[in-house]
C-alpha atoms as a PDB file:
ATOM      1  CA  UNK A   1     200.697 123.466-125.445  1.00  0.00           C
ATOM      2  CA  UNK A   2     197.036 123.548-126.305  1.00  0.00           C
ATOM      3  CA  UNK A   3     195.192 120.385-127.041  1.00  0.00           C
ATOM      4  CA  UNK A   4     193.857 120.205-130.578  1.00  0.00           C
ATOM      5  CA  UNK A   5     190.118 119.516-130.834  1.00  0.00           C
ATOM      6  CA  UNK A   6     189.388 117.087-133.666  1.00  0.00           C
ATOM      7  CA  UNK A   7     187.402 118.470-136.569  1.00  0.00           C
ATOM      8  CA  UNK A   8     183.958 116.743-136.613  1.00  0.00           C
ATOM      9  CA  UNK A   9     183.873 116.880-140.409  1.00  0.00           C
ATOM     10  CA  UNK A  10     186.953 114.653-140.545  1.00  0.00           C
ATOM     11  CA  UNK A  11     185.166 111.825-138.719  1.00  0.00           C
ATOM     12  CA  UNK A  12     183.479 108.985-140.660  1.00  0.00           C
ATOM     13  CA  UNK A  13     179.762 109.564-141.289  1.00  0.00           C
ATOM     14  CA  UNK A  14     178.708 106.562-139.228  1.00  0.00           C
ATOM     15  CA  UNK A  15     180.632 107.997-136.259  1.00  0.00           C
ATOM     16  CA  UNK A  16     178.986 111.395-136.732  1.00  0.00           C
ATOM     17  CA  UNK A  17     175.550 109.821-136.791  1.00  0.00           C
ATOM     18  CA  UNK A  18     176.398 107.733-133.723  1.00  0.00           C
ATOM     19  CA  UNK A  19     177.487 110.902-131.895  1.00  0.00           C
ATOM     20  CA  UNK A  20     174.164 112.549-132.735  1.00  0.00           C
ATOM     21  CA  UNK A  21     172.286 109.479-131.515  1.00  0.00           C
ATOM     22  CA  UNK A  22     174.231 108.994-128.291  1.00  0.00           C
ATOM     23  CA  UNK A  23     174.910 112.505-127.051  1.00  0.00           C
ATOM     24  CA  UNK A  24     172.965 114.866-129.317  1.00  0.00           C
ATOM     25  CA  UNK A  25     176.310 116.191-130.529  1.00  0.00           C
ATOM     26  CA  UNK A  26     175.502 119.448-132.346  1.00  0.00           C
ATOM     27  CA  UNK A  27     178.935 119.686-133.959  1.00  0.00           C
ATOM     28  CA  UNK A  28     178.523 116.197-135.420  1.00  0.00           C
ATOM     29  CA  UNK A  29     175.039 117.090-136.652  1.00  0.00           C
ATOM     30  CA  UNK A  30     176.378 120.274-138.243  1.00  0.00           C
ATOM     31  CA  UNK A  31     179.080 118.259-139.995  1.00  0.00           C
ATOM     32  CA  UNK A  32     176.443 115.806-141.285  1.00  0.00           C
ATOM     33  CA  UNK A  33     174.288 118.682-142.483  1.00  0.00           C
ATOM     34  CA  UNK A  34     177.145 120.455-144.233  1.00  0.00           C
ATOM     35  CA  UNK A  35     178.250 117.242-145.921  1.00  0.00           C
ATOM     36  CA  UNK A  36     174.842 115.969-146.968  1.00  0.00           C
ATOM     37  CA  UNK A  37     172.384 118.857-147.329  1.00  0.00           C
ATOM     38  CA  UNK A  38     173.706 119.809-150.801  1.00  0.00           C
ATOM     39  CA  UNK A  39     173.792 116.160-151.871  1.00  0.00           C
ATOM     40  CA  UNK A  40     170.237 115.495-150.703  1.00  0.00           C
ATOM     41  CA  UNK A  41     169.048 118.717-152.336  1.00  0.00           C
ATOM     42  CA  UNK A  42     170.615 117.582-155.633  1.00  0.00           C
ATOM     43  CA  UNK A  43     169.195 114.069-155.144  1.00  0.00           C
ATOM     44  CA  UNK A  44     165.586 115.319-154.873  1.00  0.00           C
ATOM     45  CA  UNK A  45     166.201 117.994-157.526  1.00  0.00           C
ATOM     46  CA  UNK A  46     167.148 115.297-160.053  1.00  0.00           C
ATOM     47  CA  UNK A  47     163.711 113.788-159.484  1.00  0.00           C
ATOM     48  CA  UNK A  48     161.918 116.893-160.711  1.00  0.00           C
ATOM     49  CA  UNK A  49     161.455 118.665-157.398  1.00  0.00           C
ATOM     50  CA  UNK A  50     161.387 122.468-157.554  1.00  0.00           C
ATOM     51  CA  UNK A  51     163.853 124.540-155.513  1.00  0.00           C
ATOM     52  CA  UNK A  52     161.522 125.541-152.675  1.00  0.00           C
ATOM     53  CA  UNK A  53     160.218 121.998-152.259  1.00  0.00           C
ATOM     54  CA  UNK A  54     163.767 120.619-152.347  1.00  0.00           C
ATOM     55  CA  UNK A  55     164.722 122.964-149.509  1.00  0.00           C
ATOM     56  CA  UNK A  56     161.680 121.802-147.537  1.00  0.00           C
ATOM     57  CA  UNK A  57     162.607 118.154-148.120  1.00  0.00           C
ATOM     58  CA  UNK A  58     166.199 118.763-146.983  1.00  0.00           C
ATOM     59  CA  UNK A  59     164.978 120.507-143.838  1.00  0.00           C
ATOM     60  CA  UNK A  60     162.464 117.765-143.002  1.00  0.00           C
ATOM     61  CA  UNK A  61     165.060 115.088-143.746  1.00  0.00           C
ATOM     62  CA  UNK A  62     167.497 116.533-141.251  1.00  0.00           C
ATOM     63  CA  UNK A  63     164.794 117.026-138.645  1.00  0.00           C
ATOM     64  CA  UNK A  64     164.135 113.282-139.010  1.00  0.00           C
ATOM     65  CA  UNK A  65     167.861 112.504-138.855  1.00  0.00           C
ATOM     66  CA  UNK A  66     168.087 114.444-135.579  1.00  0.00           C
ATOM     67  CA  UNK A  67     165.002 112.760-134.115  1.00  0.00           C
ATOM     68  CA  UNK A  68     165.719 109.242-135.349  1.00  0.00           C
ATOM     69  CA  UNK A  69     169.492 109.013-135.196  1.00  0.00           C
ATOM     70  CA  UNK A  70     169.154 106.382-132.461  1.00  0.00           C
ATOM     71  CA  UNK A  71     167.421 104.090-134.990  1.00  0.00           C
ATOM     72  CA  UNK A  72     170.415 104.028-137.346  1.00  0.00           C
ATOM     73  CA  UNK A  73     172.035 100.590-137.525  1.00  0.00           C
ATOM     74  CA  UNK A  74     175.464 100.611-139.220  1.00  0.00           C
ATOM     75  CA  UNK A  75     175.133  96.845-139.671  1.00  0.00           C
ATOM     76  CA  UNK A  76     172.198  97.319-142.069  1.00  0.00           C
ATOM     77  CA  UNK A  77     173.332 100.289-144.163  1.00  0.00           C
ATOM     78  CA  UNK A  78     175.752 103.154-144.391  1.00  0.00           C
ATOM     79  CA  UNK A  79     174.880 106.565-142.942  1.00  0.00           C
ATOM     80  CA  UNK A  80     174.528 108.051-146.427  1.00  0.00           C
ATOM     81  CA  UNK A  81     172.153 105.293-147.578  1.00  0.00           C
ATOM     82  CA  UNK A  82     170.086 105.749-144.433  1.00  0.00           C
ATOM     83  CA  UNK A  83     169.815 109.520-144.940  1.00  0.00           C
ATOM     84  CA  UNK A  84     168.978 109.177-148.647  1.00  0.00           C
ATOM     85  CA  UNK A  85     166.209 106.734-147.705  1.00  0.00           C
ATOM     86  CA  UNK A  86     164.814 109.280-145.255  1.00  0.00           C
ATOM     87  CA  UNK A  87     164.929 111.981-147.948  1.00  0.00           C
ATOM     88  CA  UNK A  88     163.175 109.699-150.437  1.00  0.00           C
ATOM     89  CA  UNK A  89     160.426 108.927-147.894  1.00  0.00           C
ATOM     90  CA  UNK A  90     160.005 112.603-147.000  1.00  0.00           C
ATOM     91  CA  UNK A  91     159.650 113.424-150.711  1.00  0.00           C
ATOM     92  CA  UNK A  92     157.043 110.684-151.183  1.00  0.00           C
ATOM     93  CA  UNK A  93     155.080 111.876-148.140  1.00  0.00           C
ATOM     94  CA  UNK A  94     155.155 115.446-149.436  1.00  0.00           C
ATOM     95  CA  UNK A  95     153.948 114.370-152.893  1.00  0.00           C
ATOM     96  CA  UNK A  96     151.121 112.387-151.320  1.00  0.00           C
ATOM     97  CA  UNK A  97     150.044 115.388-149.253  1.00  0.00           C
ATOM     98  CA  UNK A  98     150.098 117.659-152.313  1.00  0.00           C
ATOM     99  CA  UNK A  99     148.150 115.213-154.466  1.00  0.00           C
ATOM    100  CA  UNK A 100     145.453 114.551-151.890  1.00  0.00           C
ATOM    101  CA  UNK A 101     142.123 115.782-153.240  1.00  0.00           C
ATOM    102  CA  UNK A 102     140.612 118.785-151.533  1.00  0.00           C
ATOM    103  CA  UNK A 103     137.677 118.234-149.220  1.00  0.00           C
ATOM    104  CA  UNK A 104     134.371 118.805-151.015  1.00  0.00           C
ATOM    105  CA  UNK A 105     131.435 119.112-148.603  1.00  0.00           C
ATOM    106  CA  UNK A 106     128.996 118.743-151.502  1.00  0.00           C
ATOM    107  CA  UNK A 107     130.407 115.345-152.512  1.00  0.00           C
ATOM    108  CA  UNK A 108     127.397 112.999-152.819  1.00  0.00           C
ATOM    109  CA  UNK A 109     129.231 110.390-150.745  1.00  0.00           C
ATOM    110  CA  UNK A 110     129.317 112.856-147.825  1.00  0.00           C
ATOM    111  CA  UNK A 111     125.777 114.186-148.112  1.00  0.00           C
ATOM    112  CA  UNK A 112     123.361 112.117-146.020  1.00  0.00           C
ATOM    113  CA  UNK A 113     120.250 110.706-147.601  1.00  0.00           C
ATOM    114  CA  UNK A 114     117.232 112.906-146.955  1.00  0.00           C
ATOM    115  CA  UNK A 115     114.807 111.700-144.330  1.00  0.00           C
ATOM    116  CA  UNK A 116     111.906 109.843-145.945  1.00  0.00           C
ATOM    117  CA  UNK A 117     108.605 111.650-146.026  1.00  0.00           C
ATOM    118  CA  UNK A 118     105.692 110.445-143.914  1.00  0.00           C
ATOM    119  CA  UNK A 119     104.024 109.144-147.076  1.00  0.00           C
ATOM    120  CA  UNK A 120     107.159 107.110-147.955  1.00  0.00           C
ATOM    121  CA  UNK A 121     107.341 105.645-144.439  1.00  0.00           C
ATOM    122  CA  UNK A 122     103.677 104.594-144.474  1.00  0.00           C
ATOM    123  CA  UNK A 123     103.933 103.254-148.021  1.00  0.00           C
ATOM    124  CA  UNK A 124     107.034 101.227-147.136  1.00  0.00           C
ATOM    125  CA  UNK A 125     105.331  99.794-144.042  1.00  0.00           C
ATOM    126  CA  UNK A 126     102.307  98.784-146.117  1.00  0.00           C
ATOM    127  CA  UNK A 127     104.502  97.124-148.765  1.00  0.00           C
ATOM    128  CA  UNK A 128     106.416  95.263-146.051  1.00  0.00           C
ATOM    129  CA  UNK A 129     103.176  94.022-144.487  1.00  0.00           C
ATOM    130  CA  UNK A 130     101.873  92.834-147.871  1.00  0.00           C
ATOM    131  CA  UNK A 131     105.156  91.029-148.580  1.00  0.00           C
ATOM    132  CA  UNK A 132     105.113  89.397-145.153  1.00  0.00           C
ATOM    133  CA  UNK A 133     101.528  88.192-145.749  1.00  0.00           C
ATOM    134  CA  UNK A 134     102.464  86.852-149.188  1.00  0.00           C
ATOM    135  CA  UNK A 135     105.436  84.966-147.713  1.00  0.00           C
ATOM    136  CA  UNK A 136     103.230  83.472-145.004  1.00  0.00           C
ATOM    137  CA  UNK A 137     100.930  81.993-147.683  1.00  0.00           C
ATOM    138  CA  UNK A 138     103.798  80.047-149.310  1.00  0.00           C
ATOM    139  CA  UNK A 139     104.277  76.333-148.576  1.00  0.00           C
ATOM    140  CA  UNK A 140     106.862  75.647-145.840  1.00  0.00           C
ATOM    141  CA  UNK A 141     109.455  74.185-148.224  1.00  0.00           C
ATOM    142  CA  UNK A 142     109.340  77.333-150.392  1.00  0.00           C
ATOM    143  CA  UNK A 143     109.604  79.607-147.338  1.00  0.00           C
ATOM    144  CA  UNK A 144     112.577  77.581-146.157  1.00  0.00           C
ATOM    145  CA  UNK A 145     114.554  77.877-149.421  1.00  0.00           C
ATOM    146  CA  UNK A 146     113.798  81.616-149.640  1.00  0.00           C
ATOM    147  CA  UNK A 147     114.971  82.161-146.049  1.00  0.00           C
ATOM    148  CA  UNK A 148     118.212  80.249-146.642  1.00  0.00           C
ATOM    149  CA  UNK A 149     118.924  81.845-150.029  1.00  0.00           C
ATOM    150  CA  UNK A 150     117.920  85.463-149.328  1.00  0.00           C
ATOM    151  CA  UNK A 151     118.040  86.004-145.563  1.00  0.00           C
ATOM    152  CA  UNK A 152     121.037  83.806-144.741  1.00  0.00           C
ATOM    153  CA  UNK A 153     122.585  84.593-148.149  1.00  0.00           C
ATOM    154  CA  UNK A 154     123.571  81.023-148.948  1.00  0.00           C
ATOM    155  CA  UNK A 155     124.253  79.864-152.472  1.00  0.00           C
ATOM    156  CA  UNK A 156     121.758  77.563-154.124  1.00  0.00           C
ATOM    157  CA  UNK A 157     124.277  74.718-153.844  1.00  0.00           C
ATOM    158  CA  UNK A 158     124.656  75.350-150.089  1.00  0.00           C
ATOM    159  CA  UNK A 159     120.858  75.380-149.672  1.00  0.00           C
ATOM    160  CA  UNK A 160     120.599  72.070-151.561  1.00  0.00           C
ATOM    161  CA  UNK A 161     123.327  70.518-149.403  1.00  0.00           C
ATOM    162  CA  UNK A 162     121.804  71.772-146.145  1.00  0.00           C
ATOM    163  CA  UNK A 163     118.318  70.544-147.012  1.00  0.00           C
ATOM    164  CA  UNK A 164     119.534  67.329-148.645  1.00  0.00           C
ATOM    165  CA  UNK A 165     117.646  67.994-151.896  1.00  0.00           C
ATOM    166  CA  UNK A 166     118.801  68.311-155.510  1.00  0.00           C
ATOM    167  CA  UNK A 167     120.028  71.696-156.764  1.00  0.00           C
ATOM    168  CA  UNK A 168     117.319  71.743-159.426  1.00  0.00           C
ATOM    169  CA  UNK A 169     114.654  71.369-156.725  1.00  0.00           C
ATOM    170  CA  UNK A 170     116.055  74.360-154.842  1.00  0.00           C
ATOM    171  CA  UNK A 171     115.973  76.471-157.994  1.00  0.00           C
ATOM    172  CA  UNK A 172     112.441  75.316-158.834  1.00  0.00           C
ATOM    173  CA  UNK A 173     111.155  76.115-155.337  1.00  0.00           C
ATOM    174  CA  UNK A 174     112.714  79.590-155.442  1.00  0.00           C
ATOM    175  CA  UNK A 175     111.274  80.264-158.911  1.00  0.00           C
ATOM    176  CA  UNK A 176     107.814  79.030-157.864  1.00  0.00           C
ATOM    177  CA  UNK A 177     107.898  81.028-154.621  1.00  0.00           C
ATOM    178  CA  UNK A 178     108.890  84.244-156.362  1.00  0.00           C
ATOM    179  CA  UNK A 179     106.215  83.683-159.001  1.00  0.00           C
ATOM    180  CA  UNK A 180     103.530  83.247-156.322  1.00  0.00           C
ATOM    181  CA  UNK A 181     104.679  86.362-154.490  1.00  0.00           C
ATOM    182  CA  UNK A 182     104.580  88.409-157.719  1.00  0.00           C
ATOM    183  CA  UNK A 183     101.074  87.147-158.401  1.00  0.00           C
ATOM    184  CA  UNK A 184      99.839  87.916-154.895  1.00  0.00           C
ATOM    185  CA  UNK A 185     101.434  91.373-154.710  1.00  0.00           C
ATOM    186  CA  UNK A 186     100.891  92.508-158.243  1.00  0.00           C
ATOM    187  CA  UNK A 187     102.900  95.593-159.087  1.00  0.00           C
ATOM    188  CA  UNK A 188     103.749  97.463-155.883  1.00  0.00           C
ATOM    189  CA  UNK A 189     105.334 100.307-157.773  1.00  0.00           C
END
């Protein structure tokens, strides 16, 4: 008498998935594919996916099932829920890839700023030197509030607290300092 080999399709889905995970059982995988490929194709088709894309999603889903079967935990979900989740994620990934904007080498964000001309470099250096000289002519307390507010980027309230002076005094010193600098520099532009 010949021994009857059990039909893999008759086994529960969790067992089929466990067989794929443990021993790379091709018959179990085939049974999973035959049972779920049409269901997954219909699942993604109901979400507006065209036929060719649905086939691609089914294929990628089952590639992931084969590769990740060892990650299936029957205590967290059923085999069908797990496979539908994979299909949903594959569909989302595919949509993201399709909707990614094409690379545009002329995009202003990708084009580097042109090198400044020699005239611009010299002019900038001269402006910087004039500004440095104008700052050096300010009283120490005005230099100090400008340094804290603009170089160290502290708020006026933080400058007042650090120096132990009223907020109004900080604002007055900044206003006076900027006024003196404008007067000394004139219009640089």
